[in-house]
C-alpha atoms as a PDB file:
ATOM      1  CA  MET A   1     121.377  99.433  79.939  1.00  0.00           C
ATOM      2  CA  SER A   2     124.305 101.870  80.648  1.00  0.00           C
ATOM      3  CA  ASP A   3     124.637 102.666  85.056  1.00  0.00           C
ATOM      4  CA  TYR A   4     124.732 106.225  84.595  1.00  0.00           C
ATOM      5  CA  SER A   5     125.381 106.490  88.066  1.00  0.00           C
ATOM      6  CA  ALA A   6     128.453 104.247  87.636  1.00  0.00           C
ATOM      7  CA  LEU A   7     129.373 106.636  84.584  1.00  0.00           C
ATOM      8  CA  ALA A   8     129.322 110.457  86.033  1.00  0.00           C
ATOM      9  CA  ALA A   9     131.777 108.561  88.982  1.00  0.00           C
ATOM     10  CA  ARG A  10     134.411 107.797  86.710  1.00  0.00           C
ATOM     11  CA  LEU A  11     134.696 110.564  84.702  1.00  0.00           C
ATOM     12  CA  THR A  12     134.233 113.140  87.814  1.00  0.00           C
ATOM     13  CA  THR A  13     137.212 111.232  89.359  1.00  0.00           C
ATOM     14  CA  ALA A  14     139.517 110.570  86.155  1.00  0.00           C
ATOM     15  CA  LEU A  15     138.670 114.428  84.699  1.00  0.00           C
ATOM     16  CA  ASN A  16     138.500 116.115  88.391  1.00  0.00           C
ATOM     17  CA  LEU A  17     135.287 117.535  87.545  1.00  0.00           C
ATOM     18  CA  THR A  18     133.815 120.357  89.779  1.00  0.00           C
ATOM     19  CA  THR A  19     130.390 120.402  87.710  1.00  0.00           C
ATOM     20  CA  ALA A  20     128.910 117.123  87.947  1.00  0.00           C
ATOM     21  CA  PRO A  21     127.648 116.065  83.548  1.00  0.00           C
ATOM     22  CA  VAL A  22     125.222 116.964  82.477  1.00  0.00           C
ATOM     23  CA  ALA A  23     122.706 114.479  80.242  1.00  0.00           C
ATOM     24  CA  VAL A  24     120.239 116.543  77.987  1.00  0.00           C
ATOM     25  CA  SER A  25     117.133 114.838  76.119  1.00  0.00           C
ATOM     26  CA  PHE A  26     115.190 115.552  73.372  1.00  0.00           C
ATOM     27  CA  LEU A  27     111.564 114.041  74.161  1.00  0.00           C
ATOM     28  CA  ASP A  28     107.961 114.305  72.930  1.00  0.00           C
ATOM     29  CA  ASP A  29     106.831 114.313  75.929  1.00  0.00           C
ATOM     30  CA  ALA A  30     107.823 115.323  79.325  1.00  0.00           C
ATOM     31  CA  PRO A  31     109.407 112.378  82.120  1.00  0.00           C
ATOM     32  CA  GLY A  32     106.779 111.619  85.553  1.00  0.00           C
ATOM     33  CA  ASP A  33     110.261 112.117  87.602  1.00  0.00           C
ATOM     34  CA  THR A  34     110.845 116.363  86.824  1.00  0.00           C
ATOM     35  CA  THR A  35     108.948 119.301  86.907  1.00  0.00           C
ATOM     36  CA  GLY A  36     109.879 122.550  85.380  1.00  0.00           C
ATOM     37  CA  PRO A  37     112.042 125.893  85.565  1.00  0.00           C
ATOM     38  CA  ASP A  38     111.863 127.345  89.050  1.00  0.00           C
ATOM     39  CA  SER A  39     112.032 131.313  87.480  1.00  0.00           C
ATOM     40  CA  THR A  40     112.573 132.883  84.022  1.00  0.00           C
ATOM     41  CA  VAL A  41     116.699 132.398  82.079  1.00  0.00           C
ATOM     42  CA  ALA A  42     118.021 134.228  79.502  1.00  0.00           C
ATOM     43  CA  ALA A  43     119.645 132.051  77.677  1.00  0.00           C
ATOM     44  CA  GLY A  44     118.572 128.361  77.001  1.00  0.00           C
ATOM     45  CA  CYS A  45     122.311 127.522  78.365  1.00  0.00           C
ATOM     46  CA  LYS A  46     121.337 128.079  82.006  1.00  0.00           C
ATOM     47  CA  PHE A  47     119.261 125.384  81.591  1.00  0.00           C
ATOM     48  CA  TRP A  48     123.354 123.411  81.591  1.00  0.00           C
ATOM     49  CA  GLU A  49     123.830 124.776  84.633  1.00  0.00           C
ATOM     50  CA  LEU A  50     120.847 124.714  86.133  1.00  0.00           C
ATOM     51  CA  GLY A  51     121.121 120.414  85.005  1.00  0.00           C
ATOM     52  CA  ALA A  52     124.366 119.977  86.935  1.00  0.00           C
ATOM     53  CA  THR A  53     122.047 119.956  90.111  1.00  0.00           C
ATOM     54  CA  ARG A  54     118.501 119.742  89.660  1.00  0.00           C
ATOM     55  CA  LYS A  55     116.171 116.797  86.928  1.00  0.00           C
ATOM     56  CA  LEU A  56     114.020 119.577  85.544  1.00  0.00           C
ATOM     57  CA  THR A  57     112.040 119.780  81.964  1.00  0.00           C
ATOM     58  CA  THR A  58     111.658 122.318  79.808  1.00  0.00           C
ATOM     59  CA  ARG A  59     109.729 123.622  77.006  1.00  0.00           C
ATOM     60  CA  ALA A  60     110.132 125.494  74.045  1.00  0.00           C
ATOM     61  CA  ASN A  61     107.910 128.324  76.189  1.00  0.00           C
ATOM     62  CA  ASP A  62     110.603 127.734  78.990  1.00  0.00           C
ATOM     63  CA  HIS A  63     113.474 129.376  76.446  1.00  0.00           C
ATOM     64  CA  ARG A  64     111.256 132.100  74.589  1.00  0.00           C
ATOM     65  CA  LEU A  65     113.780 135.021  75.398  1.00  0.00           C
ATOM     66  CA  CYS A  66     116.227 132.966  74.266  1.00  0.00           C
ATOM     67  CA  ALA A  67     115.298 133.424  70.406  1.00  0.00           C
ATOM     68  CA  ILE A  68     118.627 131.404  68.848  1.00  0.00           C
ATOM     69  CA  GLY A  69     118.086 128.682  71.321  1.00  0.00           C
ATOM     70  CA  ILE A  70     114.767 127.353  70.069  1.00  0.00           C
ATOM     71  CA  HIS A  71     115.974 128.508  66.637  1.00  0.00           C
ATOM     72  CA  THR A  72     119.253 126.124  66.750  1.00  0.00           C
ATOM     73  CA  HIS A  73     117.614 123.227  69.359  1.00  0.00           C
ATOM     74  CA  ASN A  74     114.713 123.187  66.981  1.00  0.00           C
ATOM     75  CA  LEU A  75     112.250 123.695  69.774  1.00  0.00           C
ATOM     76  CA  ALA A  76     107.996 122.595  68.790  1.00  0.00           C
ATOM     77  CA  ASP A  77     105.117 125.270  69.706  1.00  0.00           C
ATOM     78  CA  ALA A  78     107.778 128.102  69.861  1.00  0.00           C
ATOM     79  CA  PRO A  79     105.993 131.620  71.339  1.00  0.00           C
ATOM     80  CA  ALA A  80     104.462 133.374  68.948  1.00  0.00           C
ATOM     81  CA  THR A  81     107.297 136.113  69.851  1.00  0.00           C
ATOM     82  CA  GLN A  82     110.509 133.808  68.578  1.00  0.00           C
ATOM     83  CA  GLY A  83     110.474 134.582  64.654  1.00  0.00           C
ATOM     84  CA  GLY A  84     110.217 138.106  64.946  1.00  0.00           C
ATOM     85  CA  ASP A  85     113.441 138.238  68.158  1.00  0.00           C
ATOM     86  CA  LEU A  86     114.812 135.868  66.008  1.00  0.00           C
ATOM     87  CA  GLY A  87     115.398 137.937  63.337  1.00  0.00           C
ATOM     88  CA  ALA A  88     115.787 140.934  65.442  1.00  0.00           C
ATOM     89  CA  THR A  89     118.808 139.449  66.887  1.00  0.00           C
ATOM     90  CA  LEU A  90     120.504 137.555  63.243  1.00  0.00           C
ATOM     91  CA  ALA A  91     119.786 140.986  62.292  1.00  0.00           C
ATOM     92  CA  ALA A  92     121.490 143.231  65.339  1.00  0.00           C
ATOM     93  CA  MET A  93     124.703 140.293  64.629  1.00  0.00           C
ATOM     94  CA  GLN A  94     124.633 141.228  61.500  1.00  0.00           C
ATOM     95  CA  GLY A  95     124.708 144.970  62.492  1.00  0.00           C
ATOM     96  CA  LEU A  96     128.103 144.931  64.097  1.00  0.00           C
ATOM     97  CA  ASP A  97     129.053 141.666  61.209  1.00  0.00           C
ATOM     98  CA  TYR A  98     129.533 139.621  63.981  1.00  0.00           C
ATOM     99  CA  VAL A  99     127.850 137.127  61.467  1.00  0.00           C
ATOM    100  CA  ARG A 100     127.055 137.524  58.255  1.00  0.00           C
ATOM    101  CA  PRO A 101     123.533 135.580  56.085  1.00  0.00           C
ATOM    102  CA  GLU A 102     125.649 132.712  54.815  1.00  0.00           C
ATOM    103  CA  GLU A 103     127.204 131.855  58.290  1.00  0.00           C
ATOM    104  CA  VAL A 104     123.606 131.931  59.614  1.00  0.00           C
ATOM    105  CA  GLU A 105     122.712 129.548  57.257  1.00  0.00           C
ATOM    106  CA  ALA A 106     125.215 127.183  58.462  1.00  0.00           C
ATOM    107  CA  LEU A 107     124.461 126.800  61.862  1.00  0.00           C
ATOM    108  CA  PRO A 108     123.462 123.519  63.239  1.00  0.00           C
ATOM    109  CA  VAL A 109     120.059 122.541  63.696  1.00  0.00           C
ATOM    110  CA  MET A 110     118.169 119.960  65.338  1.00  0.00           C
ATOM    111  CA  ASP A 111     117.540 117.458  62.836  1.00  0.00           C
ATOM    112  CA  HIS A 112     113.874 116.393  64.191  1.00  0.00           C
ATOM    113  CA  ALA A 113     111.745 118.698  66.468  1.00  0.00           C
ATOM    114  CA  SER A 114     110.873 118.386  70.075  1.00  0.00           C
ATOM    115  CA  ARG A 115     108.018 119.461  72.639  1.00  0.00           C
ATOM    116  CA  CYS A 116     110.739 118.865  75.348  1.00  0.00           C
ATOM    117  CA  VAL A 117     113.968 119.054  76.566  1.00  0.00           C
ATOM    118  CA  VAL A 118     114.778 117.322  79.928  1.00  0.00           C
ATOM    119  CA  TYR A 119     118.455 118.497  81.431  1.00  0.00           C
ATOM    120  CA  ALA A 120     119.493 116.392  84.823  1.00  0.00           C
ATOM    121  CA  PRO A 121     122.477 115.323  86.210  1.00  0.00           C
ATOM    122  CA  LEU A 122     124.272 111.963  84.110  1.00  0.00           C
ATOM    123  CA  ALA A 123     124.275 110.590  87.413  1.00  0.00           C
ATOM    124  CA  GLU A 124     120.029 109.977  87.614  1.00  0.00           C
ATOM    125  CA  SER A 125     119.292 109.372  84.295  1.00  0.00           C
ATOM    126  CA  GLN A 126     117.388 106.304  83.324  1.00  0.00           C
ATOM    127  CA  GLU A 127     117.997 105.922  79.276  1.00  0.00           C
ATOM    128  CA  GLU A 128     120.620 106.865  76.822  1.00  0.00           C
ATOM    129  CA  PRO A 129     120.690 111.242  76.412  1.00  0.00           C
ATOM    130  CA  ALA A 130     121.336 112.314  73.344  1.00  0.00           C
ATOM    131  CA  THR A 131     124.287 114.069  75.096  1.00  0.00           C
ATOM    132  CA  VAL A 132     126.562 115.189  77.926  1.00  0.00           C
ATOM    133  CA  LEU A 133     128.368 117.991  79.215  1.00  0.00           C
ATOM    134  CA  LEU A 134     131.527 118.893  80.476  1.00  0.00           C
ATOM    135  CA  PHE A 135     132.784 122.002  81.882  1.00  0.00           C
ATOM    136  CA  ALA A 136     136.315 121.870  81.758  1.00  0.00           C
ATOM    137  CA  HIS A 137     140.232 123.410  82.045  1.00  0.00           C
ATOM    138  CA  ALA A 138     142.472 123.621  79.541  1.00  0.00           C
ATOM    139  CA  ASP A 139     144.270 120.114  81.841  1.00  0.00           C
ATOM    140  CA  GLN A 140     141.123 118.152  81.304  1.00  0.00           C
ATOM    141  CA  GLY A 141     140.484 119.245  78.252  1.00  0.00           C
ATOM    142  CA  LEU A 142     143.172 117.641  76.798  1.00  0.00           C
ATOM    143  CA  VAL A 143     142.667 114.406  78.449  1.00  0.00           C
ATOM    144  CA  ILE A 144     139.453 114.628  76.334  1.00  0.00           C
ATOM    145  CA  THR A 145     140.370 115.879  73.346  1.00  0.00           C
ATOM    146  CA  GLU A 146     142.678 112.705  73.083  1.00  0.00           C
ATOM    147  CA  ALA A 147     140.550 110.328  74.424  1.00  0.00           C
ATOM    148  CA  LEU A 148     137.460 111.954  71.970  1.00  0.00           C
ATOM    149  CA  ALA A 149     140.125 111.699  68.767  1.00  0.00           C
ATOM    150  CA  ARG A 150     140.700 107.905  69.176  1.00  0.00           C
ATOM    151  CA  ILE A 151     137.141 106.676  69.207  1.00  0.00           C
ATOM    152  CA  ASP A 152     135.789 109.632  66.407  1.00  0.00           C
ATOM    153  CA  ASP A 153     138.341 108.732  64.681  1.00  0.00           C
ATOM    154  CA  ASP A 154     139.636 112.743  64.336  1.00  0.00           C
ATOM    155  CA  VAL A 155     140.463 115.398  66.849  1.00  0.00           C
ATOM    156  CA  PRO A 156     137.326 117.274  67.758  1.00  0.00           C
ATOM    157  CA  ALA A 157     135.867 120.203  66.423  1.00  0.00           C
ATOM    158  CA  THR A 158     136.132 123.444  67.958  1.00  0.00           C
ATOM    159  CA  MET A 159     132.646 126.321  68.446  1.00  0.00           C
ATOM    160  CA  GLY A 160     132.061 129.363  68.954  1.00  0.00           C
ATOM    161  CA  ARG A 161     128.944 131.272  68.252  1.00  0.00           C
ATOM    162  CA  PRO A 162     126.475 130.524  69.360  1.00  0.00           C
ATOM    163  CA  ALA A 163     127.107 128.062  72.314  1.00  0.00           C
ATOM    164  CA  CYS A 164     124.028 126.016  71.699  1.00  0.00           C
ATOM    165  CA  ALA A 165     124.681 125.106  68.657  1.00  0.00           C
ATOM    166  CA  LEU A 166     127.464 123.048  70.229  1.00  0.00           C
ATOM    167  CA  ILE A 167     124.323 120.696  70.572  1.00  0.00           C
ATOM    168  CA  PRO A 168     122.508 119.824  67.025  1.00  0.00           C
ATOM    169  CA  GLN A 169     126.292 119.627  65.780  1.00  0.00           C
ATOM    170  CA  VAL A 170     127.106 116.670  68.062  1.00  0.00           C
ATOM    171  CA  VAL A 171     123.728 115.308  67.823  1.00  0.00           C
ATOM    172  CA  ASN A 172     123.533 115.525  64.149  1.00  0.00           C
ATOM    173  CA  SER A 173     126.729 114.274  63.434  1.00  0.00           C
ATOM    174  CA  ALA A 174     127.844 111.412  65.932  1.00  0.00           C
ATOM    175  CA  ARG A 175     130.727 113.705  66.963  1.00  0.00           C
ATOM    176  CA  SER A 176     131.630 115.229  69.543  1.00  0.00           C
ATOM    177  CA  ALA A 177     133.025 118.879  70.023  1.00  0.00           C
ATOM    178  CA  SER A 178     133.686 120.977  71.979  1.00  0.00           C
ATOM    179  CA  SER A 179     132.829 124.937  72.363  1.00  0.00           C
ATOM    180  CA  LEU A 180     135.083 127.510  73.905  1.00  0.00           C
ATOM    181  CA  GLY A 181     130.844 129.655  74.413  1.00  0.00           C
ATOM    182  CA  CYS A 182     129.945 132.615  73.226  1.00  0.00           C
ATOM    183  CA  CYS A 183     129.952 135.740  75.054  1.00  0.00           C
ATOM    184  CA  GLY A 184     126.054 135.276  75.425  1.00  0.00           C
ATOM    185  CA  ALA A 185     126.243 132.272  77.104  1.00  0.00           C
ATOM    186  CA  ARG A 186     129.425 133.639  79.348  1.00  0.00           C
ATOM    187  CA  ALA A 187     127.377 136.156  80.250  1.00  0.00           C
ATOM    188  CA  TYR A 188     124.644 133.788  81.771  1.00  0.00           C
ATOM    189  CA  LEU A 189     126.324 130.825  83.050  1.00  0.00           C
ATOM    190  CA  ASP A 190     128.456 130.889  85.690  1.00  0.00           C
ATOM    191  CA  VAL A 191     130.255 128.116  85.741  1.00  0.00           C
ATOM    192  CA  LEU A 192     131.951 128.881  82.238  1.00  0.00           C
ATOM    193  CA  ASP A 193     134.488 131.282  83.857  1.00  0.00           C
ATOM    194  CA  GLU A 194     137.667 132.049  82.345  1.00  0.00           C
ATOM    195  CA  GLY A 195     139.288 129.285  81.965  1.00  0.00           C
ATOM    196  CA  THR A 196     136.260 127.341  81.089  1.00  0.00           C
ATOM    197  CA  THR A 197     135.122 124.874  78.010  1.00  0.00           C
ATOM    198  CA  ILE A 198     132.003 122.849  77.159  1.00  0.00           C
ATOM    199  CA  TRP A 199     132.421 119.432  75.703  1.00  0.00           C
ATOM    200  CA  ALA A 200     129.365 117.553  74.328  1.00  0.00           C
ATOM    201  CA  LEU A 201     130.016 113.540  74.223  1.00  0.00           C
ATOM    202  CA  HIS A 202     127.856 111.688  72.375  1.00  0.00           C
ATOM    203  CA  GLY A 203     125.079 109.388  74.384  1.00  0.00           C
ATOM    204  CA  GLY A 204     125.619 106.410  72.427  1.00  0.00           C
ATOM    205  CA  LYS A 205     128.979 106.449  72.761  1.00  0.00           C
ATOM    206  CA  LEU A 206     129.324 107.340  75.823  1.00  0.00           C
ATOM    207  CA  GLU A 207     130.942 104.180  77.545  1.00  0.00           C
ATOM    208  CA  ARG A 208     133.356 104.702  75.382  1.00  0.00           C
ATOM    209  CA  TYR A 209     134.464 107.490  75.519  1.00  0.00           C
ATOM    210  CA  VAL A 210     134.530 107.271  79.222  1.00  0.00           C
ATOM    211  CA  GLU A 211     136.792 104.058  79.165  1.00  0.00           C
ATOM    212  CA  ALA A 212     139.215 106.086  76.900  1.00  0.00           C
ATOM    213  CA  ILE A 213     138.860 109.215  78.926  1.00  0.00           C
ATOM    214  CA  GLU A 214     140.402 106.917  81.911  1.00  0.00           C
ATOM    215  CA  THR A 215     143.391 105.114  79.711  1.00  0.00           C
ATOM    216  CA  PHE A 216     144.303 109.166  79.077  1.00  0.00           C
ATOM    217  CA  ALA A 217     144.256 110.295  82.435  1.00  0.00           C
ATOM    218  CA  ARG A 218     145.928 107.775  83.548  1.00  0.00           C
ATOM    219  CA  ALA A 219     149.046 107.911  80.054  1.00  0.00           C
ATOM    220  CA  ASN A 220     148.786 111.739  80.846  1.00  0.00           C
ATOM    221  CA  ASP A 221     149.944 110.934  85.015  1.00  0.00           C
ATOM    222  CA  THR A 222     152.828 109.502  84.857  1.00  0.00           C
ATOM    223  CA  LEU A 223     154.027 111.048  81.745  1.00  0.00           C
ATOM    224  CA  ARG A 224     153.665 114.320  84.100  1.00  0.00           C
ATOM    225  CA  GLN A 225     155.733 113.204  86.217  1.00  0.00           C
ATOM    226  CA  PHE A 226     158.246 112.065  83.844  1.00  0.00           C
ATOM    227  CA  HIS A 227     158.575 115.738  82.407  1.00  0.00           C
ATOM    228  CA  ASP A 228     158.707 117.270  86.041  1.00  0.00           C
ATOM    229  CA  LEU A 229     161.246 114.124  87.115  1.00  0.00           C
ATOM    230  CA  ARG A 230     163.583 115.252  83.489  1.00  0.00           C
ATOM    231  CA  ARG A 231     163.244 119.181  84.202  1.00  0.00           C
ATOM    232  CA  ALA A 232     164.627 119.163  87.212  1.00  0.00           C
ATOM    233  CA  ASP A 233     166.841 117.514  86.772  1.00  0.00           C
ATOM    234  CA  ILE A 234     168.101 118.765  83.201  1.00  0.00           C
ATOM    235  CA  ALA A 235     167.930 122.084  85.656  1.00  0.00           C
ATOM    236  CA  GLU A 236     170.799 121.054  87.949  1.00  0.00           C
ATOM    237  CA  GLY A 237     172.598 120.207  85.377  1.00  0.00           C
ATOM    238  CA  LYS A 238     172.074 116.482  84.219  1.00  0.00           C
ATOM    239  CA  THR A 239     171.384 114.712  81.845  1.00  0.00           C
ATOM    240  CA  PRO A 240     169.688 111.428  82.612  1.00  0.00           C
ATOM    241  CA  SER A 241     168.885 109.281  79.881  1.00  0.00           C
ATOM    242  CA  VAL A 242     165.091 108.146  78.650  1.00  0.00           C
ATOM    243  CA  GLU A 243     165.877 105.458  80.498  1.00  0.00           C
ATOM    244  CA  GLU A 244     166.979 107.098  83.602  1.00  0.00           C
ATOM    245  CA  SER A 245     163.567 109.051  84.142  1.00  0.00           C
ATOM    246  CA  LEU A 246     161.901 105.924  83.752  1.00  0.00           C
ATOM    247  CA  ALA A 247     162.774 104.357  86.432  1.00  0.00           C
ATOM    248  CA  ARG A 248     162.744 106.774  88.692  1.00  0.00           C
ATOM    249  CA  LEU A 249     158.792 106.755  88.011  1.00  0.00           C
ATOM    250  CA  GLY A 250     159.338 103.222  89.995  1.00  0.00           C
END
């Protein structure tokens, strides 16, 4: 079994993360070492933020104010109100031409229904999570993009609304992706500021992703120094060769 505490530390160090990586797992039975949410949340994605600081288990009723999240996560035992809330939400969005029927049909939905979703700091994981969420800024996203492309053999997808569709997209495809969030997620998540993107790493490839992220983080640090030196030299009227700039890196 992977050492998830060590992987979390390596990710945090390589990317200079300010929010801990969050492990997300889909289960039929709640683990004995978790508790439920302390209060009602307006959207299921709020649990992503809460999961950065504590381990908690949620069921469909905990997501009851988020009909779209219950749908994309394919949560069993949904409240009786879920179908009506989902229909009303989609009707309102379609009225704004924010989403169209064919786009609703194309939304990623978890392949298998689950009774529980567990959110926890990756460092506290005891088993392989379905996905690991990262909250990253643009420079961190550059490193993540390059690393995921190496492991998945393609540039990672970037998604928009709804943010919760990011998780089934990654779990079902076994390929990591990012989300720019949606207006709902950006309203409810304090950590999701203007410069932040959400990344979901497929849990089955996590060790490989971490190794690649560390490699690209080191490479980008060196290349950044190289370009900073060349910019300064050229601004001073110098015309250094590539070899001369490389030599200055020491």
